[in-house]
PDB file of N, CA and C in Angstrom:
ATOM      1  N   UNK A   1       2.693 -43.812 127.010  1.00  0.00           N
ATOM      2  CA  UNK A   1       1.524 -43.125 126.496  1.00  0.00           C
ATOM      3  C   UNK A   1       1.995 -41.950 125.646  1.00  0.00           C
ATOM      4  N   UNK A   2       1.323 -41.730 124.533  1.00  0.00           N
ATOM      5  CA  UNK A   2       1.666 -40.608 123.652  1.00  0.00           C
ATOM      6  C   UNK A   2       0.798 -39.405 124.028  1.00  0.00           C
ATOM      7  N   UNK A   3       1.498 -38.305 124.351  1.00  0.00           N
ATOM      8  CA  UNK A   3       0.844 -37.092 124.848  1.00  0.00           C
ATOM      9  C   UNK A   3       1.208 -35.915 123.947  1.00  0.00           C
ATOM     10  N   UNK A   4       0.196 -35.120 123.588  1.00  0.00           N
ATOM     11  CA  UNK A   4       0.407 -33.908 122.805  1.00  0.00           C
ATOM     12  C   UNK A   4       0.125 -32.697 123.682  1.00  0.00           C
ATOM     13  N   UNK A   5       1.090 -31.775 123.757  1.00  0.00           N
ATOM     14  CA  UNK A   5       0.909 -30.520 124.490  1.00  0.00           C
ATOM     15  C   UNK A   5       0.401 -29.451 123.530  1.00  0.00           C
ATOM     16  N   UNK A   6      -0.636 -28.739 123.941  1.00  0.00           N
ATOM     17  CA  UNK A   6      -1.195 -27.646 123.156  1.00  0.00           C
ATOM     18  C   UNK A   6      -0.140 -26.556 122.977  1.00  0.00           C
ATOM     19  N   UNK A   7      -0.300 -25.743 121.944  1.00  0.00           N
ATOM     20  CA  UNK A   7       0.698 -24.713 121.671  1.00  0.00           C
ATOM     21  C   UNK A   7       0.729 -23.605 122.721  1.00  0.00           C
ATOM     22  N   UNK A   8      -0.280 -23.513 123.550  1.00  0.00           N
ATOM     23  CA  UNK A   8      -0.277 -22.501 124.615  1.00  0.00           C
ATOM     24  C   UNK A   8       0.584 -22.916 125.808  1.00  0.00           C
ATOM     25  N   UNK A   9       1.008 -24.169 125.840  1.00  0.00           N
ATOM     26  CA  UNK A   9       1.808 -24.670 126.961  1.00  0.00           C
ATOM     27  C   UNK A   9       3.290 -24.656 126.606  1.00  0.00           C
ATOM     28  N   UNK A  10       4.150 -24.391 127.600  1.00  0.00           N
ATOM     29  CA  UNK A  10       5.595 -24.398 127.324  1.00  0.00           C
ATOM     30  C   UNK A  10       6.090 -25.817 127.033  1.00  0.00           C
ATOM     31  N   UNK A  11       6.938 -25.962 126.018  1.00  0.00           N
ATOM     32  CA  UNK A  11       7.450 -27.277 125.635  1.00  0.00           C
ATOM     33  C   UNK A  11       8.254 -27.925 126.757  1.00  0.00           C
ATOM     34  N   UNK A  12       8.807 -27.105 127.647  1.00  0.00           N
ATOM     35  CA  UNK A  12       9.599 -27.648 128.759  1.00  0.00           C
ATOM     36  C   UNK A  12       8.753 -28.508 129.703  1.00  0.00           C
ATOM     37  N   UNK A  13       7.451 -28.344 129.647  1.00  0.00           N
ATOM     38  CA  UNK A  13       6.564 -29.175 130.461  1.00  0.00           C
ATOM     39  C   UNK A  13       6.753 -30.650 130.116  1.00  0.00           C
ATOM     40  N   UNK A  14       7.120 -30.936 128.885  1.00  0.00           N
ATOM     41  CA  UNK A  14       7.318 -32.325 128.464  1.00  0.00           C
ATOM     42  C   UNK A  14       8.415 -33.015 129.280  1.00  0.00           C
ATOM     43  N   UNK A  15       9.395 -32.271 129.724  1.00  0.00           N
ATOM     44  CA  UNK A  15      10.491 -32.829 130.540  1.00  0.00           C
ATOM     45  C   UNK A  15      10.013 -33.304 131.910  1.00  0.00           C
ATOM     46  N   UNK A  16       8.868 -32.813 132.342  1.00  0.00           N
ATOM     47  CA  UNK A  16       8.347 -33.152 133.663  1.00  0.00           C
ATOM     48  C   UNK A  16       7.385 -34.330 133.628  1.00  0.00           C
ATOM     49  N   UNK A  17       7.258 -34.961 132.459  1.00  0.00           N
ATOM     50  CA  UNK A  17       6.337 -36.085 132.291  1.00  0.00           C
ATOM     51  C   UNK A  17       7.116 -37.333 131.856  1.00  0.00           C
ATOM     52  N   UNK A  18       8.012 -37.816 132.718  1.00  0.00           N
ATOM     53  CA  UNK A  18       8.845 -38.966 132.340  1.00  0.00           C
ATOM     54  C   UNK A  18       8.006 -40.218 132.122  1.00  0.00           C
ATOM     55  N   UNK A  19       8.522 -41.070 131.261  1.00  0.00           N
ATOM     56  CA  UNK A  19       7.841 -42.331 131.002  1.00  0.00           C
ATOM     57  C   UNK A  19       6.776 -42.242 129.933  1.00  0.00           C
ATOM     58  N   UNK A  20       6.628 -41.070 129.342  1.00  0.00           N
ATOM     59  CA  UNK A  20       5.620 -40.869 128.297  1.00  0.00           C
ATOM     60  C   UNK A  20       6.284 -40.288 127.062  1.00  0.00           C
ATOM     61  N   UNK A  21       5.702 -40.557 125.921  1.00  0.00           N
ATOM     62  CA  UNK A  21       6.156 -39.936 124.679  1.00  0.00           C
ATOM     63  C   UNK A  21       5.427 -38.618 124.523  1.00  0.00           C
ATOM     64  N   UNK A  22       6.093 -37.526 124.859  1.00  0.00           N
ATOM     65  CA  UNK A  22       5.441 -36.210 124.868  1.00  0.00           C
ATOM     66  C   UNK A  22       6.048 -35.338 123.772  1.00  0.00           C
ATOM     67  N   UNK A  23       5.190 -34.695 123.015  1.00  0.00           N
ATOM     68  CA  UNK A  23       5.626 -33.706 122.040  1.00  0.00           C
ATOM     69  C   UNK A  23       4.635 -32.546 122.066  1.00  0.00           C
ATOM     70  N   UNK A  24       4.931 -31.527 121.283  1.00  0.00           N
ATOM     71  CA  UNK A  24       4.079 -30.336 121.291  1.00  0.00           C
ATOM     72  C   UNK A  24       3.465 -30.110 119.915  1.00  0.00           C
ATOM     73  N   UNK A  25       2.437 -29.298 119.894  1.00  0.00           N
ATOM     74  CA  UNK A  25       1.787 -28.907 118.648  1.00  0.00           C
ATOM     75  C   UNK A  25       2.822 -28.290 117.706  1.00  0.00           C
ATOM     76  N   UNK A  26       3.700 -27.452 118.254  1.00  0.00           N
ATOM     77  CA  UNK A  26       4.711 -26.800 117.432  1.00  0.00           C
ATOM     78  C   UNK A  26       5.651 -27.821 116.786  1.00  0.00           C
ATOM     79  N   UNK A  27       6.093 -28.792 117.563  1.00  0.00           N
ATOM     80  CA  UNK A  27       7.018 -29.798 117.035  1.00  0.00           C
ATOM     81  C   UNK A  27       6.358 -30.667 115.963  1.00  0.00           C
ATOM     82  N   UNK A  28       5.053 -30.821 116.043  1.00  0.00           N
ATOM     83  CA  UNK A  28       4.327 -31.593 115.029  1.00  0.00           C
ATOM     84  C   UNK A  28       4.079 -30.766 113.768  1.00  0.00           C
ATOM     85  N   UNK A  29       4.353 -29.461 113.831  1.00  0.00           N
ATOM     86  CA  UNK A  29       4.099 -28.592 112.686  1.00  0.00           C
ATOM     87  C   UNK A  29       2.652 -28.179 112.565  1.00  0.00           C
ATOM     88  N   UNK A  30       1.920 -28.236 113.679  1.00  0.00           N
ATOM     89  CA  UNK A  30       0.496 -27.947 113.670  1.00  0.00           C
ATOM     90  C   UNK A  30       0.146 -26.597 114.292  1.00  0.00           C
ATOM     91  N   UNK A  31       1.114 -25.718 114.452  1.00  0.00           N
ATOM     92  CA  UNK A  31       0.836 -24.394 115.010  1.00  0.00           C
ATOM     93  C   UNK A  31      -0.212 -23.684 114.163  1.00  0.00           C
ATOM     94  N   UNK A  32      -1.155 -23.061 114.828  1.00  0.00           N
ATOM     95  CA  UNK A  32      -2.184 -22.312 114.125  1.00  0.00           C
ATOM     96  C   UNK A  32      -3.357 -23.139 113.643  1.00  0.00           C
ATOM     97  N   UNK A  33      -3.295 -24.453 113.793  1.00  0.00           N
ATOM     98  CA  UNK A  33      -4.424 -25.307 113.399  1.00  0.00           C
ATOM     99  C   UNK A  33      -5.542 -25.091 114.413  1.00  0.00           C
ATOM    100  N   UNK A  34      -6.763 -24.904 113.925  1.00  0.00           N
ATOM    101  CA  UNK A  34      -7.886 -24.635 114.832  1.00  0.00           C
ATOM    102  C   UNK A  34      -8.175 -25.849 115.710  1.00  0.00           C
ATOM    103  N   UNK A  35      -8.823 -25.613 116.842  1.00  0.00           N
ATOM    104  CA  UNK A  35      -9.038 -26.671 117.836  1.00  0.00           C
ATOM    105  C   UNK A  35      -9.709 -27.918 117.288  1.00  0.00           C
ATOM    106  N   UNK A  36     -10.769 -27.765 116.510  1.00  0.00           N
ATOM    107  CA  UNK A  36     -11.466 -28.938 115.988  1.00  0.00           C
ATOM    108  C   UNK A  36     -10.567 -29.790 115.113  1.00  0.00           C
ATOM    109  N   UNK A  37      -9.872 -29.149 114.183  1.00  0.00           N
ATOM    110  CA  UNK A  37      -8.958 -29.875 113.298  1.00  0.00           C
ATOM    111  C   UNK A  37      -7.775 -30.433 114.088  1.00  0.00           C
ATOM    112  N   UNK A  38      -7.301 -29.672 115.050  1.00  0.00           N
ATOM    113  CA  UNK A  38      -6.173 -30.118 115.873  1.00  0.00           C
ATOM    114  C   UNK A  38      -6.536 -31.374 116.665  1.00  0.00           C
ATOM    115  N   UNK A  39      -7.703 -31.401 117.239  1.00  0.00           N
ATOM    116  CA  UNK A  39      -8.130 -32.572 118.003  1.00  0.00           C
ATOM    117  C   UNK A  39      -8.303 -33.802 117.106  1.00  0.00           C
ATOM    118  N   UNK A  40      -8.792 -33.594 115.905  1.00  0.00           N
ATOM    119  CA  UNK A  40      -8.907 -34.719 114.967  1.00  0.00           C
ATOM    120  C   UNK A  40      -7.528 -35.257 114.582  1.00  0.00           C
ATOM    121  N   UNK A  41      -6.583 -34.343 114.325  1.00  0.00           N
ATOM    122  CA  UNK A  41      -5.213 -34.770 114.021  1.00  0.00           C
ATOM    123  C   UNK A  41      -4.605 -35.504 115.213  1.00  0.00           C
ATOM    124  N   UNK A  42      -4.764 -34.934 116.391  1.00  0.00           N
ATOM    125  CA  UNK A  42      -4.175 -35.522 117.601  1.00  0.00           C
ATOM    126  C   UNK A  42      -4.735 -36.907 117.881  1.00  0.00           C
ATOM    127  N   UNK A  43      -6.000 -37.105 117.617  1.00  0.00           N
ATOM    128  CA  UNK A  43      -6.636 -38.388 117.939  1.00  0.00           C
ATOM    129  C   UNK A  43      -6.093 -39.543 117.105  1.00  0.00           C
ATOM    130  N   UNK A  44      -5.406 -39.243 116.011  1.00  0.00           N
ATOM    131  CA  UNK A  44      -4.831 -40.290 115.170  1.00  0.00           C
ATOM    132  C   UNK A  44      -3.530 -40.857 115.743  1.00  0.00           C
ATOM    133  N   UNK A  45      -2.767 -40.016 116.461  1.00  0.00           N
ATOM    134  CA  UNK A  45      -1.436 -40.423 116.913  1.00  0.00           C
ATOM    135  C   UNK A  45      -1.218 -40.364 118.419  1.00  0.00           C
ATOM    136  N   UNK A  46      -2.159 -39.804 119.156  1.00  0.00           N
ATOM    137  CA  UNK A  46      -1.954 -39.574 120.584  1.00  0.00           C
ATOM    138  C   UNK A  46      -3.128 -40.125 121.396  1.00  0.00           C
ATOM    139  N   UNK A  47      -2.846 -40.469 122.651  1.00  0.00           N
ATOM    140  CA  UNK A  47      -3.906 -40.894 123.562  1.00  0.00           C
ATOM    141  C   UNK A  47      -4.413 -39.738 124.421  1.00  0.00           C
ATOM    142  N   UNK A  48      -3.532 -38.720 124.609  1.00  0.00           N
ATOM    143  CA  UNK A  48      -3.862 -37.617 125.525  1.00  0.00           C
ATOM    144  C   UNK A  48      -3.483 -36.283 124.886  1.00  0.00           C
ATOM    145  N   UNK A  49      -4.364 -35.309 125.048  1.00  0.00           N
ATOM    146  CA  UNK A  49      -4.103 -33.928 124.651  1.00  0.00           C
ATOM    147  C   UNK A  49      -4.141 -33.094 125.914  1.00  0.00           C
ATOM    148  N   UNK A  50      -3.073 -32.334 126.179  1.00  0.00           N
ATOM    149  CA  UNK A  50      -2.993 -31.488 127.377  1.00  0.00           C
ATOM    150  C   UNK A  50      -3.045 -30.034 126.928  1.00  0.00           C
ATOM    151  N   UNK A  51      -3.934 -29.267 127.542  1.00  0.00           N
ATOM    152  CA  UNK A  51      -4.143 -27.875 127.165  1.00  0.00           C
ATOM    153  C   UNK A  51      -4.385 -27.031 128.416  1.00  0.00           C
ATOM    154  N   UNK A  52      -4.383 -25.724 128.220  1.00  0.00           N
ATOM    155  CA  UNK A  52      -4.789 -24.798 129.281  1.00  0.00           C
ATOM    156  C   UNK A  52      -6.078 -24.086 128.873  1.00  0.00           C
ATOM    157  N   UNK A  53      -6.640 -24.469 127.742  1.00  0.00           N
ATOM    158  CA  UNK A  53      -7.851 -23.843 127.207  1.00  0.00           C
ATOM    159  C   UNK A  53      -9.073 -24.338 127.975  1.00  0.00           C
ATOM    160  N   UNK A  54      -9.538 -23.539 128.910  1.00  0.00           N
ATOM    161  CA  UNK A  54     -10.657 -23.931 129.758  1.00  0.00           C
ATOM    162  C   UNK A  54     -11.991 -23.895 129.023  1.00  0.00           C
ATOM    163  N   UNK A  55     -12.030 -23.305 127.847  1.00  0.00           N
ATOM    164  CA  UNK A  55     -13.276 -23.236 127.075  1.00  0.00           C
ATOM    165  C   UNK A  55     -13.391 -24.346 126.044  1.00  0.00           C
ATOM    166  N   UNK A  56     -12.366 -25.152 125.900  1.00  0.00           N
ATOM    167  CA  UNK A  56     -12.348 -26.182 124.873  1.00  0.00           C
ATOM    168  C   UNK A  56     -13.567 -27.096 124.937  1.00  0.00           C
ATOM    169  N   UNK A  57     -13.954 -27.470 126.139  1.00  0.00           N
ATOM    170  CA  UNK A  57     -15.089 -28.388 126.294  1.00  0.00           C
ATOM    171  C   UNK A  57     -16.396 -27.775 125.822  1.00  0.00           C
ATOM    172  N   UNK A  58     -16.479 -26.455 125.804  1.00  0.00           N
ATOM    173  CA  UNK A  58     -17.703 -25.784 125.355  1.00  0.00           C
ATOM    174  C   UNK A  58     -17.661 -25.478 123.860  1.00  0.00           C
ATOM    175  N   UNK A  59     -16.464 -25.492 123.281  1.00  0.00           N
ATOM    176  CA  UNK A  59     -16.294 -25.154 121.872  1.00  0.00           C
ATOM    177  C   UNK A  59     -16.265 -26.374 120.963  1.00  0.00           C
ATOM    178  N   UNK A  60     -15.912 -27.535 121.516  1.00  0.00           N
ATOM    179  CA  UNK A  60     -15.719 -28.728 120.704  1.00  0.00           C
ATOM    180  C   UNK A  60     -16.515 -29.896 121.267  1.00  0.00           C
ATOM    181  N   UNK A  61     -16.944 -30.778 120.389  1.00  0.00           N
ATOM    182  CA  UNK A  61     -17.604 -32.012 120.815  1.00  0.00           C
ATOM    183  C   UNK A  61     -16.507 -33.039 121.076  1.00  0.00           C
ATOM    184  N   UNK A  62     -16.224 -33.285 122.336  1.00  0.00           N
ATOM    185  CA  UNK A  62     -15.141 -34.190 122.712  1.00  0.00           C
ATOM    186  C   UNK A  62     -15.603 -35.636 122.827  1.00  0.00           C
ATOM    187  N   UNK A  63     -16.908 -35.854 122.768  1.00  0.00           N
ATOM    188  CA  UNK A  63     -17.454 -37.195 122.967  1.00  0.00           C
ATOM    189  C   UNK A  63     -17.046 -38.190 121.891  1.00  0.00           C
ATOM    190  N   UNK A  64     -16.771 -37.711 120.700  1.00  0.00           N
ATOM    191  CA  UNK A  64     -16.474 -38.611 119.591  1.00  0.00           C
ATOM    192  C   UNK A  64     -14.984 -38.832 119.367  1.00  0.00           C
ATOM    193  N   UNK A  65     -14.160 -38.245 120.206  1.00  0.00           N
ATOM    194  CA  UNK A  65     -12.715 -38.383 120.024  1.00  0.00           C
ATOM    195  C   UNK A  65     -12.169 -39.490 120.918  1.00  0.00           C
ATOM    196  N   UNK A  66     -11.288 -40.327 120.382  1.00  0.00           N
ATOM    197  CA  UNK A  66     -10.763 -41.445 121.171  1.00  0.00           C
ATOM    198  C   UNK A  66      -9.617 -41.062 122.100  1.00  0.00           C
ATOM    199  N   UNK A  67      -9.417 -39.776 122.337  1.00  0.00           N
ATOM    200  CA  UNK A  67      -8.348 -39.372 123.241  1.00  0.00           C
ATOM    201  C   UNK A  67      -8.925 -38.663 124.456  1.00  0.00           C
ATOM    202  N   UNK A  68      -8.143 -38.665 125.517  1.00  0.00           N
ATOM    203  CA  UNK A  68      -8.526 -37.934 126.722  1.00  0.00           C
ATOM    204  C   UNK A  68      -7.954 -36.526 126.623  1.00  0.00           C
ATOM    205  N   UNK A  69      -8.682 -35.564 127.156  1.00  0.00           N
ATOM    206  CA  UNK A  69      -8.244 -34.171 127.178  1.00  0.00           C
ATOM    207  C   UNK A  69      -8.034 -33.775 128.633  1.00  0.00           C
ATOM    208  N   UNK A  70      -6.836 -33.294 128.934  1.00  0.00           N
ATOM    209  CA  UNK A  70      -6.516 -32.814 130.273  1.00  0.00           C
ATOM    210  C   UNK A  70      -6.364 -31.307 130.199  1.00  0.00           C
ATOM    211  N   UNK A  71      -7.140 -30.596 131.008  1.00  0.00           N
ATOM    212  CA  UNK A  71      -7.105 -29.136 131.039  1.00  0.00           C
ATOM    213  C   UNK A  71      -6.390 -28.702 132.320  1.00  0.00           C
ATOM    214  N   UNK A  72      -5.260 -28.015 132.151  1.00  0.00           N
ATOM    215  CA  UNK A  72      -4.516 -27.504 133.295  1.00  0.00           C
ATOM    216  C   UNK A  72      -5.037 -26.122 133.640  1.00  0.00           C
ATOM    217  N   UNK A  73      -5.508 -25.966 134.863  1.00  0.00           N
ATOM    218  CA  UNK A  73      -6.070 -24.698 135.322  1.00  0.00           C
ATOM    219  C   UNK A  73      -5.082 -24.068 136.290  1.00  0.00           C
ATOM    220  N   UNK A  74      -4.392 -23.037 135.812  1.00  0.00           N
ATOM    221  CA  UNK A  74      -3.371 -22.354 136.606  1.00  0.00           C
ATOM    222  C   UNK A  74      -3.514 -20.853 136.399  1.00  0.00           C
ATOM    223  N   UNK A  75      -2.769 -20.105 137.194  1.00  0.00           N
ATOM    224  CA  UNK A  75      -2.813 -18.652 137.098  1.00  0.00           C
ATOM    225  C   UNK A  75      -2.365 -18.171 135.717  1.00  0.00           C
ATOM    226  N   UNK A  76      -1.386 -18.877 135.154  1.00  0.00           N
ATOM    227  CA  UNK A  76      -0.899 -18.556 133.810  1.00  0.00           C
ATOM    228  C   UNK A  76      -0.342 -19.826 133.190  1.00  0.00           C
ATOM    229  N   UNK A  77       0.108 -19.724 131.970  1.00  0.00           N
ATOM    230  CA  UNK A  77       0.723 -20.882 131.315  1.00  0.00           C
ATOM    231  C   UNK A  77       2.241 -20.872 131.462  1.00  0.00           C
ATOM    232  N   UNK A  78       2.741 -20.021 132.322  1.00  0.00           N
ATOM    233  CA  UNK A  78       4.180 -20.028 132.613  1.00  0.00           C
ATOM    234  C   UNK A  78       4.526 -21.327 133.330  1.00  0.00           C
ATOM    235  N   UNK A  79       5.684 -21.866 133.026  1.00  0.00           N
ATOM    236  CA  UNK A  79       6.094 -23.139 133.607  1.00  0.00           C
ATOM    237  C   UNK A  79       6.037 -23.107 135.131  1.00  0.00           C
ATOM    238  N   UNK A  80       6.424 -22.002 135.725  1.00  0.00           N
ATOM    239  CA  UNK A  80       6.412 -21.892 137.186  1.00  0.00           C
ATOM    240  C   UNK A  80       5.002 -22.085 137.757  1.00  0.00           C
ATOM    241  N   UNK A  81       3.977 -21.693 137.027  1.00  0.00           N
ATOM    242  CA  UNK A  81       2.599 -21.862 137.490  1.00  0.00           C
ATOM    243  C   UNK A  81       2.048 -23.253 137.195  1.00  0.00           C
ATOM    244  N   UNK A  82       2.641 -23.943 136.217  1.00  0.00           N
ATOM    245  CA  UNK A  82       2.172 -25.273 135.846  1.00  0.00           C
ATOM    246  C   UNK A  82       2.844 -26.388 136.643  1.00  0.00           C
ATOM    247  N   UNK A  83       4.063 -26.166 137.094  1.00  0.00           N
ATOM    248  CA  UNK A  83       4.813 -27.200 137.824  1.00  0.00           C
ATOM    249  C   UNK A  83       4.030 -27.774 139.011  1.00  0.00           C
ATOM    250  N   UNK A  84       3.340 -26.966 139.810  1.00  0.00           N
ATOM    251  CA  UNK A  84       2.588 -27.548 140.932  1.00  0.00           C
ATOM    252  C   UNK A  84       1.470 -28.510 140.503  1.00  0.00           C
ATOM    253  N   UNK A  85       1.035 -28.445 139.246  1.00  0.00           N
ATOM    254  CA  UNK A  85      -0.028 -29.318 138.757  1.00  0.00           C
ATOM    255  C   UNK A  85       0.502 -30.667 138.246  1.00  0.00           C
ATOM    256  N   UNK A  86       1.807 -30.768 138.060  1.00  0.00           N
ATOM    257  CA  UNK A  86       2.393 -31.964 137.457  1.00  0.00           C
ATOM    258  C   UNK A  86       2.121 -33.236 138.269  1.00  0.00           C
ATOM    259  N   UNK A  87       2.269 -33.237 139.603  1.00  0.00           N
ATOM    260  CA  UNK A  87       1.967 -34.477 140.333  1.00  0.00           C
ATOM    261  C   UNK A  87       0.531 -34.972 140.111  1.00  0.00           C
ATOM    262  N   UNK A  88      -0.432 -34.063 140.111  1.00  0.00           N
ATOM    263  CA  UNK A  88      -1.825 -34.457 139.866  1.00  0.00           C
ATOM    264  C   UNK A  88      -2.000 -34.942 138.428  1.00  0.00           C
ATOM    265  N   UNK A  89      -1.334 -34.299 137.491  1.00  0.00           N
ATOM    266  CA  UNK A  89      -1.408 -34.729 136.102  1.00  0.00           C
ATOM    267  C   UNK A  89      -0.833 -36.132 135.948  1.00  0.00           C
ATOM    268  N   UNK A  90       0.327 -36.387 136.541  1.00  0.00           N
ATOM    269  CA  UNK A  90       0.947 -37.714 136.466  1.00  0.00           C
ATOM    270  C   UNK A  90       0.038 -38.778 137.086  1.00  0.00           C
ATOM    271  N   UNK A  91      -0.576 -38.447 138.194  1.00  0.00           N
ATOM    272  CA  UNK A  91      -1.477 -39.384 138.863  1.00  0.00           C
ATOM    273  C   UNK A  91      -2.673 -39.712 137.977  1.00  0.00           C
ATOM    274  N   UNK A  92      -3.243 -38.700 137.363  1.00  0.00           N
ATOM    275  CA  UNK A  92      -4.410 -38.913 136.494  1.00  0.00           C
ATOM    276  C   UNK A  92      -4.032 -39.646 135.213  1.00  0.00           C
ATOM    277  N   UNK A  93      -2.818 -39.449 134.726  1.00  0.00           N
ATOM    278  CA  UNK A  93      -2.369 -40.176 133.546  1.00  0.00           C
ATOM    279  C   UNK A  93      -2.298 -41.669 133.822  1.00  0.00           C
ATOM    280  N   UNK A  94      -1.978 -42.034 135.057  1.00  0.00           N
ATOM    281  CA  UNK A  94      -1.935 -43.446 135.429  1.00  0.00           C
ATOM    282  C   UNK A  94      -3.315 -44.087 135.349  1.00  0.00           C
ATOM    283  N   UNK A  95      -4.354 -43.265 135.507  1.00  0.00           N
ATOM    284  CA  UNK A  95      -5.740 -43.755 135.464  1.00  0.00           C
ATOM    285  C   UNK A  95      -6.439 -43.289 134.194  1.00  0.00           C
ATOM    286  N   UNK A  96      -5.667 -43.159 133.143  1.00  0.00           N
ATOM    287  CA  UNK A  96      -6.147 -42.663 131.855  1.00  0.00           C
ATOM    288  C   UNK A  96      -7.387 -43.407 131.373  1.00  0.00           C
ATOM    289  N   UNK A  97      -8.376 -42.647 130.954  1.00  0.00           N
ATOM    290  CA  UNK A  97      -9.591 -43.202 130.354  1.00  0.00           C
ATOM    291  C   UNK A  97      -9.839 -42.430 129.061  1.00  0.00           C
ATOM    292  N   UNK A  98      -9.913 -43.137 127.919  1.00  0.00           N
ATOM    293  CA  UNK A  98     -10.173 -42.431 126.663  1.00  0.00           C
ATOM    294  C   UNK A  98     -11.525 -41.715 126.692  1.00  0.00           C
ATOM    295  N   UNK A  99     -11.633 -40.709 125.854  1.00  0.00           N
ATOM    296  CA  UNK A  99     -12.894 -39.977 125.674  1.00  0.00           C
ATOM    297  C   UNK A  99     -13.374 -39.277 126.947  1.00  0.00           C
ATOM    298  N   UNK A 100     -12.437 -38.799 127.757  1.00  0.00           N
ATOM    299  CA  UNK A 100     -12.811 -38.057 128.952  1.00  0.00           C
ATOM    300  C   UNK A 100     -12.136 -36.696 128.947  1.00  0.00           C
ATOM    301  N   UNK A 101     -12.697 -35.786 129.702  1.00  0.00           N
ATOM    302  CA  UNK A 101     -12.089 -34.483 129.937  1.00  0.00           C
ATOM    303  C   UNK A 101     -11.800 -34.394 131.420  1.00  0.00           C
ATOM    304  N   UNK A 102     -10.563 -34.059 131.761  1.00  0.00           N
ATOM    305  CA  UNK A 102     -10.143 -33.977 133.154  1.00  0.00           C
ATOM    306  C   UNK A 102      -9.572 -32.602 133.402  1.00  0.00           C
ATOM    307  N   UNK A 103     -10.117 -31.910 134.393  1.00  0.00           N
ATOM    308  CA  UNK A 103      -9.586 -30.599 134.804  1.00  0.00           C
ATOM    309  C   UNK A 103      -8.636 -30.812 135.978  1.00  0.00           C
ATOM    310  N   UNK A 104      -7.467 -30.210 135.895  1.00  0.00           N
ATOM    311  CA  UNK A 104      -6.472 -30.334 136.951  1.00  0.00           C
ATOM    312  C   UNK A 104      -6.100 -28.937 137.428  1.00  0.00           C
ATOM    313  N   UNK A 105      -6.283 -28.695 138.726  1.00  0.00           N
ATOM    314  CA  UNK A 105      -5.970 -27.392 139.308  1.00  0.00           C
ATOM    315  C   UNK A 105      -7.205 -26.541 139.436  1.00  0.00           C
ATOM    316  N   UNK A 106      -6.937 -25.280 139.810  1.00  0.00           N
ATOM    317  CA  UNK A 106      -8.008 -24.298 139.900  1.00  0.00           C
ATOM    318  C   UNK A 106      -8.929 -24.539 141.011  1.00  0.00           C
TER     319      UNK A 106
END
């Protein structure tokens, strides 16, 4: 599965998602692209967008995008705070459904 990590997440998180093609917004050269445009770009090449932006669902219409959005809810976006969410994220990725928003943690 092709997964895009939002620029607010540490790129090292990609190492904790084996078996998937994971890259980051920064590596794609999309840093600073606004959420709406970023989601449209991501939907062309990725099945999943992972973010920590808990307001994304209220700011963007996710119903028309063919990708799933996973929102990681942690104390911070530091890797140490995100690592405990990885098992739940991996489990939910196995049950991936396009055009859904999934909150993990919190």
